[in-house]
Amino acid sequence: MFARINSMGLFGIESYMVGVEVDFGQGLPRIDIVGLPDASVNESRNRVRSAVKNCGYSFPQSRVTINLSPADIRKEGPVYDLPLFIAILKAGDQLNCKIDDCAFIGELSLDGLVRHINGALSMVIRAKKSGIKRVFVPAENALECSVVSGIEIYAVENVNQAVKHLTGEEILTPVKYEELSKNENAFGLFAPDFRDVMGQQEARYAMEIAAAGGHNIIMVGPPGSGKSMLAKRLPSILPDMTFEESLETTELYSIAGAMPEGVSLIRERPFRAPHHTVSPAGLSGGGVIPRPGEISLSHNGVLFLDELPEFSRTAMEVLRQPIEDGKVTISRANASLTYPCSTMVVCAMNPCPCGFKGHPKKECTCPDIAAKRYLAKVSGPLLDRMDIHIEVPPVDFDSLSSKVPSECSADIKKRVNAARKIQQERLAGSGVSCNAKMTPEQTKRFCVAEPSAMAFLENVFDRLDFSARAYDKILRVARTSADLDGSETIKVSHIAQAVQFRSLDRRFWRR
């Protein structure tokens, strides 16, 4: 007696079809699983056997051989419990129905409850591409899977529901995304508003330019000057996510098992703020089969690194290639996987260990050598990859006590959206969405400055000894500044603004 059931496996961000084959043969009662199973897959034999018996079905008293194909890819996780259960019933003639166009994924408890799994969204997307018409998923995963159109998603709370539906005894209703997505809020939180920030006009404008062009930014200032406050309000002025961006981000969160409860699609840009004790693997991703790290979980959103010099040197250096490429490749003995990480990196730091170097009223207690060592914790190459460097001074009493309200995020976001629209029209069809991600060729083509502006840039380039990377970044930031002003060409004022935002360049900083 033989049965074959469709299921899916996960390898990094990519999913693939898996055939779950069950054969009852002669011999002493025994269950063998082949097809490169890991420990959790091998343990499924005990979960499935108990679930079969506890749900009122009979388990075969013979030799059972289970094959997971393709046999050359290692299978991991409890995702195969539900398809194994269905395959055993079908092979034993306890389930008679046609299920060639169906796929099953889910972990089982010993009493037949179907439990949540990671990566369900990616698996359903693969199932649709493979021609599967119906997918049975755990009820806890139904929301995220419902965003995939053109395929029927059935939410299963226990195995009896799936069996009764297949036999026609109790028909389940496919989950509809439109019905379940009303009034949902992706993370259950609303981004704080810029109206709370008093003063700091230059820093506010720097954040506006960063949001408009997708630029990385580093802020340096004493404790309490508002660096974290500004960073946490950045998502409130970022452009709304497109459906494609939402789907990419939701897929990563599904794989990492970090989907917010009761959410089908992440439609708010992620804001990740890992503690400075995070390991390099925690940032880039890790594990035997690497899972997404903080860099990837901030894809299409913001990665905020507060107290940057307190991060370990190896953790900071992990950021260098992902910032440049928009993707991170993790190599382990078992696999080499690439995850997307197109994110805005926002960093904040004090100017010295005590935090008061350059403060107008408080005296710095750090020796000069201590301050230099503190700043030297941030490497030149990493600092060079920051598009905007901004000093955030302490806020005076008059600004804090002012009755004049600050500009709200909604008004700033209108200007940001207008600038992004200009960029999208300019870069249409190139796969690039904002100025910060332009290639060198696109930078030369679209960042055209007036002769006087280029003469000014040439002067400061030699004086401040900027790098070639800094040159490109100055042009891109100036291009964003021009877009905010509605100017087709880059003027001297735009170049001057961009140069001012490079004032913390490493070589200039040491003078």
Protein backbone atom coordinates (compact mmCIF):
# COMPACT_ATOMS: atom_id res chain seq x y z
CA MET A 1 0.00 0.00 0.00
CA PHE A 2 1.42 3.34 -1.13
CA ALA A 3 0.48 7.02 -1.05
CA ARG A 4 2.13 10.24 -2.12
CA ILE A 5 1.24 13.68 -0.72
CA ASN A 6 2.46 17.12 -1.76
CA SER A 7 4.21 19.29 0.80
CA MET A 8 6.84 22.05 0.82
CA GLY A 9 10.25 22.59 2.31
CA LEU A 10 12.22 25.73 3.10
CA PHE A 11 15.83 26.51 2.33
CA GLY A 12 16.69 30.04 3.39
CA ILE A 13 14.21 32.37 1.71
CA GLU A 14 13.55 29.89 -1.08
CA SER A 15 10.89 27.18 -0.82
CA TYR A 16 10.64 23.97 -2.85
CA MET A 17 8.12 21.19 -3.42
CA VAL A 18 8.52 18.03 -1.36
CA GLY A 19 6.86 14.72 -2.11
CA VAL A 20 5.91 12.81 1.07
CA GLU A 21 5.77 9.13 0.09
CA VAL A 22 4.53 6.38 2.43
CA ASP A 23 4.76 2.66 1.80
CA PHE A 24 3.48 -0.19 3.98
CA GLY A 25 5.62 -3.29 3.60
CA GLN A 26 6.11 -6.68 5.20
CA GLY A 27 8.15 -7.06 8.35
CA LEU A 28 8.13 -6.16 12.00
CA PRO A 29 6.39 -2.87 12.95
CA ARG A 30 8.88 -0.10 12.32
CA ILE A 31 9.01 3.40 10.86
CA ASP A 32 11.93 4.46 8.65
CA ILE A 33 12.26 8.00 7.32
CA VAL A 34 14.64 8.60 4.42
CA GLY A 35 15.42 11.65 2.32
CA LEU A 36 17.97 13.47 4.50
CA PRO A 37 15.72 14.20 7.52
CA ASP A 38 17.05 16.18 10.47
CA ALA A 39 16.31 15.33 14.12
CA SER A 40 12.98 17.17 14.23
CA VAL A 41 11.79 15.36 11.09
CA ASN A 42 12.84 12.01 12.53
CA GLU A 43 10.90 12.79 15.69
CA SER A 44 7.75 13.34 13.63
CA ARG A 45 7.23 9.57 13.49
CA ASN A 46 6.30 9.60 17.18
CA ARG A 47 4.09 12.70 16.91
CA VAL A 48 2.24 11.35 13.90
CA ARG A 49 1.75 7.87 15.36
CA SER A 50 0.26 9.30 18.56
CA ALA A 51 -1.94 11.73 16.59
CA VAL A 52 -3.28 8.92 14.39
CA LYS A 53 -4.26 6.81 17.39
CA ASN A 54 -5.62 9.67 19.51
CA CYS A 55 -7.81 10.92 16.65
CA GLY A 56 -9.55 7.56 16.30
CA TYR A 57 -7.69 6.10 13.33
CA SER A 58 -5.61 2.92 13.17
CA PHE A 59 -1.86 2.95 12.72
CA PRO A 60 -0.44 0.11 10.55
CA GLN A 61 1.17 -2.78 12.39
CA SER A 62 3.77 -3.29 9.66
CA ARG A 63 6.98 -1.82 8.34
CA VAL A 64 6.39 1.78 7.26
CA THR A 65 8.89 3.46 4.92
CA ILE A 66 8.61 7.22 4.49
CA ASN A 67 10.52 9.03 1.75
CA LEU A 68 10.88 12.78 1.47
CA SER A 69 11.83 13.72 -2.08
CA PRO A 70 13.99 15.21 -3.49
CA ALA A 71 16.38 13.09 -1.46
CA ASP A 72 19.44 15.29 -2.02
CA ILE A 73 18.14 18.29 -0.01
CA ARG A 74 18.21 18.17 3.78
CA LYS A 75 14.73 18.43 5.34
CA GLU A 76 14.31 20.22 8.64
CA GLY A 77 11.51 21.28 10.96
CA PRO A 78 8.14 19.81 11.94
CA VAL A 79 6.40 21.05 8.78
CA TYR A 80 5.94 17.48 7.47
CA ASP A 81 3.76 16.21 10.33
CA LEU A 82 0.42 17.01 8.68
CA PRO A 83 1.31 15.59 5.23
CA LEU A 84 2.66 12.44 6.92
CA PHE A 85 -0.61 12.04 8.80
CA ILE A 86 -2.67 12.39 5.60
CA ALA A 87 -0.33 10.07 3.66
CA ILE A 88 -0.60 7.31 6.31
CA LEU A 89 -4.40 7.50 6.25
CA LYS A 90 -4.46 7.40 2.45
CA ALA A 91 -1.99 4.52 2.22
CA GLY A 92 -4.10 2.57 4.72
CA ASP A 93 -7.36 3.20 2.78
CA GLN A 94 -8.74 5.24 5.69
CA LEU A 95 -8.98 8.29 3.40
CA ASN A 96 -10.33 7.86 -0.11
CA CYS A 97 -10.29 11.07 -2.15
CA LYS A 98 -8.35 12.75 -4.89
CA ILE A 99 -5.79 15.19 -3.50
CA ASP A 100 -3.26 15.51 -6.32
CA ASP A 101 -3.83 19.28 -6.49
CA CYS A 102 -3.47 19.74 -2.71
CA ALA A 103 -0.49 20.46 -0.49
CA PHE A 104 -0.23 20.13 3.30
CA ILE A 105 2.06 21.82 5.82
CA GLY A 106 1.90 21.90 9.60
CA GLU A 107 3.20 20.56 12.90
CA LEU A 108 1.04 18.19 14.94
CA SER A 109 0.55 17.83 18.64
CA LEU A 110 -0.02 14.36 20.08
CA ASP A 111 -3.79 14.87 20.09
CA GLY A 112 -3.98 16.06 16.48
CA LEU A 113 -3.89 19.85 16.88
CA VAL A 114 -2.17 21.60 13.96
CA ARG A 115 0.44 24.05 15.20
CA HIS A 116 2.14 27.14 13.75
CA ILE A 117 5.19 26.78 11.49
CA ASN A 118 7.77 29.22 10.15
CA GLY A 119 7.99 30.19 6.49
CA ALA A 120 4.40 29.32 5.54
CA LEU A 121 4.06 32.33 3.23
CA SER A 122 7.12 31.41 1.19
CA MET A 123 5.84 27.84 0.89
CA VAL A 124 2.41 28.94 -0.34
CA ILE A 125 4.02 31.20 -2.95
CA ARG A 126 6.03 28.22 -4.19
CA ALA A 127 2.94 26.00 -4.19
CA LYS A 128 1.12 28.47 -6.42
CA LYS A 129 4.04 28.61 -8.86
CA SER A 130 4.07 24.79 -8.94
CA GLY A 131 0.42 24.56 -9.95
CA ILE A 132 -1.05 23.55 -6.59
CA LYS A 133 -4.70 24.63 -6.26
CA ARG A 134 -5.35 24.06 -2.54
CA VAL A 135 -3.06 24.35 0.49
CA PHE A 136 -3.94 23.23 4.01
CA VAL A 137 -2.06 25.30 6.59
CA PRO A 138 -2.20 25.74 10.38
CA ALA A 139 -4.92 28.18 11.43
CA GLU A 140 -2.25 30.43 13.00
CA ASN A 141 -0.57 30.79 9.59
CA ALA A 142 -3.74 31.38 7.60
CA LEU A 143 -3.62 35.18 7.82
CA GLU A 144 -0.15 35.54 6.32
CA CYS A 145 -0.86 32.93 3.63
CA SER A 146 -4.13 34.57 2.60
CA VAL A 147 -2.30 37.42 0.84
CA VAL A 148 -1.38 35.05 -2.01
CA SER A 149 -4.10 35.28 -4.64
CA GLY A 150 -5.03 32.58 -7.11
CA ILE A 151 -4.81 29.68 -4.66
CA GLU A 152 -7.21 28.36 -2.02
CA ILE A 153 -5.95 28.50 1.56
CA TYR A 154 -7.65 26.33 4.19
CA ALA A 155 -7.05 27.07 7.86
CA VAL A 156 -6.81 23.81 9.82
CA GLU A 157 -7.01 23.77 13.61
CA ASN A 158 -6.89 19.97 13.95
CA VAL A 159 -6.41 17.02 11.62
CA ASN A 160 -10.06 15.97 11.81
CA GLN A 161 -11.04 19.22 10.10
CA ALA A 162 -8.77 18.44 7.16
CA VAL A 163 -9.99 14.82 6.91
CA LYS A 164 -13.67 15.78 7.07
CA HIS A 165 -13.19 18.43 4.42
CA LEU A 166 -11.42 16.01 2.09
CA THR A 167 -14.17 13.40 2.51
CA GLY A 168 -16.87 16.03 2.04
CA GLU A 169 -18.33 15.58 5.52
CA GLU A 170 -17.67 19.17 6.70
CA ILE A 171 -16.52 21.59 4.00
CA LEU A 172 -14.11 24.34 5.07
CA THR A 173 -14.35 27.84 3.61
CA PRO A 174 -11.17 29.13 1.95
CA VAL A 175 -9.56 32.02 3.80
CA LYS A 176 -10.02 35.36 2.04
CA TYR A 177 -7.45 38.12 2.51
CA GLU A 178 -9.98 40.93 2.08
CA GLU A 179 -12.09 39.64 4.95
CA LEU A 180 -9.24 39.25 7.42
CA SER A 181 -7.17 42.36 6.71
CA LYS A 182 -9.66 45.05 7.70
CA ASN A 183 -8.50 47.50 10.35
CA GLU A 184 -5.35 45.53 11.10
CA ASN A 185 -2.16 47.34 12.13
CA ALA A 186 1.04 45.53 11.24
CA PHE A 187 2.96 45.79 14.51
CA GLY A 188 0.13 47.00 16.72
CA LEU A 189 2.04 50.25 17.19
CA PHE A 190 1.92 53.68 15.61
CA ALA A 191 5.16 55.54 14.91
CA PRO A 192 5.74 58.57 17.16
CA ASP A 193 5.26 61.98 15.51
CA PHE A 194 7.88 64.61 14.70
CA ARG A 195 5.68 67.22 16.36
CA ASP A 196 7.13 65.94 19.65
CA VAL A 197 10.64 67.10 18.65
CA MET A 198 11.32 70.66 19.81
CA GLY A 199 14.08 72.61 18.11
CA GLN A 200 16.77 70.66 16.21
CA GLN A 201 15.81 72.19 12.85
CA GLU A 202 18.99 71.08 11.11
CA ALA A 203 18.68 67.52 12.40
CA ARG A 204 15.01 67.40 11.40
CA TYR A 205 15.90 68.51 7.88
CA ALA A 206 18.67 65.90 7.73
CA MET A 207 16.11 63.21 8.64
CA GLU A 208 13.77 64.54 5.94
CA ILE A 209 16.51 64.28 3.30
CA ALA A 210 17.42 60.79 4.56
CA ALA A 211 13.78 59.67 4.26
CA ALA A 212 13.30 61.27 0.84
CA GLY A 213 16.35 59.61 -0.70
CA GLY A 214 16.67 56.46 1.41
CA HIS A 215 20.05 57.61 2.76
CA ASN A 216 21.95 56.17 5.72
CA ILE A 217 22.56 58.67 8.52
CA ILE A 218 24.71 58.92 11.64
CA MET A 219 24.00 61.38 14.45
CA VAL A 220 26.58 62.54 16.99
CA GLY A 221 25.64 64.51 20.07
CA PRO A 222 25.56 64.59 23.87
CA PRO A 223 23.10 62.51 25.93
CA GLY A 224 19.57 63.89 25.91
CA SER A 225 19.94 65.92 22.71
CA GLY A 226 17.22 63.91 20.95
CA LYS A 227 19.12 61.45 18.75
CA SER A 228 16.99 58.41 19.66
CA MET A 229 13.86 60.55 19.57
CA LEU A 230 14.58 61.59 15.99
CA ALA A 231 15.44 58.04 14.89
CA LYS A 232 12.26 56.53 16.33
CA ARG A 233 10.16 59.07 14.41
CA LEU A 234 11.81 58.38 11.06
CA PRO A 235 9.32 55.64 10.03
CA SER A 236 6.48 58.16 10.35
CA ILE A 237 7.81 60.17 7.39
CA LEU A 238 8.93 57.30 5.16
CA PRO A 239 6.85 56.62 2.02
CA ASP A 240 4.16 53.96 2.32
CA MET A 241 5.23 50.46 1.35
CA THR A 242 4.19 49.05 -2.01
CA PHE A 243 2.47 45.65 -2.05
CA GLU A 244 5.65 44.05 -3.41
CA GLU A 245 7.72 45.53 -0.57
CA SER A 246 5.13 44.40 1.98
CA LEU A 247 5.19 40.87 0.57
CA GLU A 248 9.00 40.70 0.66
CA THR A 249 9.11 41.90 4.25
CA THR A 250 6.28 39.61 5.36
CA GLU A 251 8.05 36.64 3.79
CA LEU A 252 11.21 37.36 5.77
CA TYR A 253 9.27 37.72 9.03
CA SER A 254 7.41 34.48 8.29
CA ILE A 255 10.68 32.61 7.77
CA ALA A 256 12.13 34.04 10.98
CA GLY A 257 8.98 33.19 12.95
CA ALA A 258 8.57 36.86 13.87
CA MET A 259 5.15 37.60 12.34
CA PRO A 260 3.06 39.83 14.63
CA GLU A 261 -0.03 38.06 15.93
CA GLY A 262 -3.22 38.66 13.96
CA VAL A 263 -1.46 40.25 10.97
CA SER A 264 -1.69 39.00 7.40
CA LEU A 265 0.61 41.50 5.67
CA ILE A 266 3.23 43.84 7.11
CA ARG A 267 2.32 47.21 5.66
CA GLU A 268 4.34 49.42 8.00
CA ARG A 269 8.05 49.80 7.43
CA PRO A 270 9.98 47.78 10.04
CA PHE A 271 11.98 49.58 12.71
CA ARG A 272 14.61 47.33 14.29
CA ALA A 273 16.76 48.57 17.16
CA PRO A 274 19.00 45.73 18.42
CA HIS A 275 20.85 46.20 21.71
CA HIS A 276 24.57 46.91 21.46
CA THR A 277 25.34 43.47 22.93
CA VAL A 278 23.98 41.79 19.77
CA SER A 279 26.35 39.26 18.20
CA PRO A 280 27.54 39.42 14.58
CA ALA A 281 25.35 36.40 13.83
CA GLY A 282 22.40 38.18 15.43
CA LEU A 283 22.87 41.05 12.99
CA SER A 284 23.62 39.13 9.81
CA GLY A 285 21.69 35.92 10.56
CA GLY A 286 22.84 32.51 11.66
CA GLY A 287 22.11 28.93 12.57
CA VAL A 288 22.95 25.56 11.04
CA ILE A 289 20.59 26.55 8.23
CA PRO A 290 20.97 30.34 8.57
CA ARG A 291 17.90 32.34 9.48
CA PRO A 292 17.43 36.09 8.82
CA GLY A 293 19.16 38.45 11.24
CA GLU A 294 18.37 42.01 12.29
CA ILE A 295 19.72 43.43 9.03
CA SER A 296 17.27 41.38 6.96
CA LEU A 297 14.37 41.90 9.37
CA SER A 298 14.75 45.63 8.75
CA HIS A 299 14.42 45.09 4.97
CA ASN A 300 12.48 47.99 3.41
CA GLY A 301 12.59 49.74 6.78
CA VAL A 302 15.03 51.16 9.32
CA LEU A 303 17.88 49.56 11.28
CA PHE A 304 18.71 51.78 14.27
CA LEU A 305 22.01 51.29 16.05
CA ASP A 306 22.03 53.38 19.22
CA GLU A 307 25.34 53.98 21.04
CA LEU A 308 27.24 52.75 17.97
CA PRO A 309 30.74 52.57 19.55
CA GLU A 310 29.38 50.17 22.19
CA PHE A 311 28.75 47.52 19.52
CA SER A 312 31.57 45.04 19.09
CA ARG A 313 33.98 45.77 16.24
CA THR A 314 33.09 42.54 14.45
CA ALA A 315 29.37 43.31 14.70
CA MET A 316 29.89 46.77 13.19
CA GLU A 317 32.03 45.42 10.37
CA VAL A 318 29.29 42.93 9.49
CA LEU A 319 27.31 45.92 8.22
CA ARG A 320 29.80 47.05 5.60
CA GLN A 321 28.96 44.72 2.72
CA PRO A 322 25.16 44.60 3.33
CA ILE A 323 24.98 48.42 3.39
CA GLU A 324 26.76 48.51 0.03
CA ASP A 325 25.00 45.59 -1.70
CA GLY A 326 21.51 45.54 -0.17
CA LYS A 327 21.87 41.83 0.56
CA VAL A 328 23.73 39.65 3.01
CA THR A 329 25.27 36.26 2.22
CA ILE A 330 25.72 33.85 5.13
CA SER A 331 28.00 30.87 4.60
CA ARG A 332 27.92 27.86 6.89
CA ALA A 333 29.13 24.27 6.56
CA ASN A 334 25.65 23.08 5.54
CA ALA A 335 24.56 25.98 3.36
CA SER A 336 25.33 29.37 1.86
CA LEU A 337 22.25 31.58 1.76
CA THR A 338 21.54 35.13 0.64
CA TYR A 339 18.87 37.31 2.25
CA PRO A 340 17.78 40.78 1.08
CA CYS A 341 18.56 43.69 3.40
CA SER A 342 17.73 46.89 1.57
CA THR A 343 17.47 49.02 4.68
CA MET A 344 18.15 52.53 5.94
CA VAL A 345 20.86 52.37 8.58
CA VAL A 346 20.49 55.03 11.28
CA CYS A 347 23.25 55.32 13.88
CA ALA A 348 23.56 57.46 17.01
CA MET A 349 26.57 58.00 19.23
CA ASN A 350 28.12 60.30 21.82
CA PRO A 351 31.23 62.33 20.91
CA CYS A 352 33.22 60.83 23.81
CA PRO A 353 32.82 58.30 26.67
CA CYS A 354 31.25 60.85 29.03
CA GLY A 355 29.20 62.31 26.18
CA PHE A 356 29.90 66.01 26.76
CA LYS A 357 32.81 66.81 24.44
CA GLY A 358 31.97 70.12 22.78
CA HIS A 359 28.98 70.75 25.05
CA PRO A 360 28.44 74.51 25.51
CA LYS A 361 27.69 74.27 29.25
CA LYS A 362 28.91 70.92 30.61
CA GLU A 363 32.58 70.12 30.92
CA CYS A 364 33.97 66.97 29.31
CA THR A 365 35.86 64.84 31.84
CA CYS A 366 37.51 62.57 29.26
CA PRO A 367 41.23 62.84 28.44
CA ASP A 368 41.88 63.64 24.78
CA ILE A 369 43.30 60.17 24.19
CA ALA A 370 40.12 58.57 25.62
CA ALA A 371 37.91 60.61 23.31
CA LYS A 372 40.04 59.68 20.28
CA ARG A 373 39.91 55.99 21.21
CA TYR A 374 36.15 56.19 21.61
CA LEU A 375 35.65 57.71 18.18
CA ALA A 376 38.16 55.28 16.66
CA LYS A 377 35.87 52.38 17.60
CA VAL A 378 33.85 53.30 14.50
CA SER A 379 36.00 52.37 11.52
CA GLY A 380 36.62 54.76 8.66
CA PRO A 381 35.17 52.42 6.02
CA LEU A 382 31.91 52.06 7.98
CA LEU A 383 31.66 55.81 8.54
CA ASP A 384 32.35 56.38 4.86
CA ARG A 385 29.26 54.31 4.01
CA MET A 386 27.02 56.70 5.92
CA ASP A 387 25.50 59.17 3.45
CA ILE A 388 24.69 61.84 6.05
CA HIS A 389 26.70 62.79 9.15
CA ILE A 390 24.93 65.23 11.46
CA GLU A 391 25.84 66.81 14.76
CA VAL A 392 22.91 67.04 17.19
CA PRO A 393 23.56 69.80 19.74
CA PRO A 394 21.79 70.06 23.11
CA VAL A 395 18.38 71.73 23.04
CA ASP A 396 18.10 75.09 24.78
CA PHE A 397 15.36 76.07 27.23
CA ASP A 398 13.62 78.44 24.84
CA SER A 399 13.09 75.67 22.27
CA LEU A 400 11.82 73.21 24.87
CA SER A 401 9.39 75.70 26.42
CA SER A 402 8.18 77.17 23.13
CA LYS A 403 4.41 77.21 22.62
CA VAL A 404 4.81 77.13 18.85
CA PRO A 405 4.09 73.56 17.72
CA SER A 406 6.69 71.75 15.63
CA GLU A 407 5.85 70.53 12.16
CA CYS A 408 4.03 67.20 12.24
CA SER A 409 5.10 64.02 10.45
CA ALA A 410 2.15 64.14 8.04
CA ASP A 411 3.32 67.46 6.55
CA ILE A 412 6.91 66.27 6.24
CA LYS A 413 5.74 63.02 4.65
CA LYS A 414 3.96 64.94 1.87
CA ARG A 415 7.25 66.49 0.78
CA VAL A 416 9.03 63.14 1.11
CA ASN A 417 6.39 61.42 -1.06
CA ALA A 418 6.66 64.17 -3.70
CA ALA A 419 10.46 63.75 -3.83
CA ARG A 420 10.19 59.94 -3.99
CA LYS A 421 7.69 60.23 -6.86
CA ILE A 422 10.21 62.28 -8.83
CA GLN A 423 12.89 59.64 -8.18
CA GLN A 424 10.64 56.74 -9.16
CA GLU A 425 9.73 58.42 -12.44
CA ARG A 426 13.39 59.20 -13.13
CA LEU A 427 14.55 55.65 -12.31
CA ALA A 428 11.53 53.80 -13.73
CA GLY A 429 12.35 50.35 -15.11
CA SER A 430 15.84 50.22 -13.57
CA GLY A 431 14.91 48.29 -10.43
CA VAL A 432 16.20 51.19 -8.30
CA SER A 433 13.65 52.97 -6.13
CA CYS A 434 15.52 55.92 -4.59
CA ASN A 435 18.61 58.11 -4.96
CA ALA A 436 20.65 56.32 -2.30
CA LYS A 437 20.57 53.08 -4.29
CA MET A 438 21.64 54.55 -7.63
CA THR A 439 24.50 52.81 -9.42
CA PRO A 440 27.65 54.79 -10.34
CA GLU A 441 26.42 55.00 -13.92
CA GLN A 442 23.05 56.36 -12.80
CA THR A 443 24.80 58.82 -10.49
CA LYS A 444 26.74 60.26 -13.44
CA ARG A 445 23.63 60.40 -15.58
CA PHE A 446 21.12 61.87 -13.16
CA CYS A 447 23.22 63.85 -10.66
CA VAL A 448 23.99 66.70 -13.06
CA ALA A 449 25.19 69.82 -11.28
CA GLU A 450 25.65 73.39 -12.45
CA PRO A 451 29.26 74.36 -13.33
CA SER A 452 29.48 76.61 -10.27
CA ALA A 453 28.26 73.75 -8.07
CA MET A 454 30.90 71.37 -9.46
CA ALA A 455 33.59 74.03 -8.95
CA PHE A 456 32.52 74.36 -5.32
CA LEU A 457 32.58 70.56 -4.88
CA GLU A 458 36.06 70.35 -6.42
CA ASN A 459 37.33 72.93 -3.94
CA VAL A 460 35.98 71.21 -0.82
CA PHE A 461 36.85 67.72 -2.12
CA ASP A 462 40.57 68.51 -2.15
CA ARG A 463 40.46 70.52 1.08
CA LEU A 464 38.63 67.90 3.11
CA ASP A 465 40.26 64.93 1.39
CA PHE A 466 36.99 63.08 0.70
CA SER A 467 37.04 59.52 -0.65
CA ALA A 468 35.63 58.46 -4.03
CA ARG A 469 32.68 56.87 -2.22
CA ALA A 470 32.06 60.13 -0.35
CA TYR A 471 32.06 61.98 -3.69
CA ASP A 472 29.25 59.78 -5.03
CA LYS A 473 27.29 60.06 -1.80
CA ILE A 474 27.57 63.86 -1.79
CA LEU A 475 26.12 63.95 -5.31
CA ARG A 476 23.26 61.61 -4.37
CA VAL A 477 22.38 63.57 -1.23
CA ALA A 478 22.54 66.79 -3.27
CA ARG A 479 20.24 65.17 -5.83
CA THR A 480 17.74 64.41 -3.06
CA SER A 481 17.99 67.97 -1.76
CA ALA A 482 17.28 69.24 -5.27
CA ASP A 483 14.31 66.87 -5.57
CA LEU A 484 12.84 68.27 -2.35
CA ASP A 485 13.21 71.76 -3.85
CA GLY A 486 11.70 70.63 -7.15
CA SER A 487 14.88 71.51 -9.05
CA GLU A 488 15.97 69.53 -12.12
CA THR A 489 19.62 70.52 -11.75
CA ILE A 490 21.83 70.44 -8.68
CA LYS A 491 22.77 73.92 -7.52
CA VAL A 492 25.52 75.26 -5.28
CA SER A 493 23.16 75.35 -2.30
CA HIS A 494 22.38 71.65 -2.73
CA ILE A 495 26.07 70.70 -2.92
CA ALA A 496 26.83 72.89 0.10
CA GLN A 497 24.07 71.18 2.07
CA ALA A 498 25.39 67.73 1.15
CA VAL A 499 28.97 68.71 2.07
CA GLN A 500 27.75 70.07 5.39
CA PHE A 501 26.23 66.65 6.04
CA ARG A 502 29.72 65.10 5.59
CA SER A 503 31.24 67.19 8.37
CA LEU A 504 32.01 64.09 10.42
CA ASP A 505 34.13 62.48 7.73
CA ARG A 506 36.85 60.53 9.51
CA ARG A 507 39.88 62.47 8.31
CA PHE A 508 38.26 65.85 8.84
CA TRP A 509 37.02 64.75 12.26
CA ARG A 510 40.53 64.11 13.53
CA ARG A 511 41.78 67.60 12.74
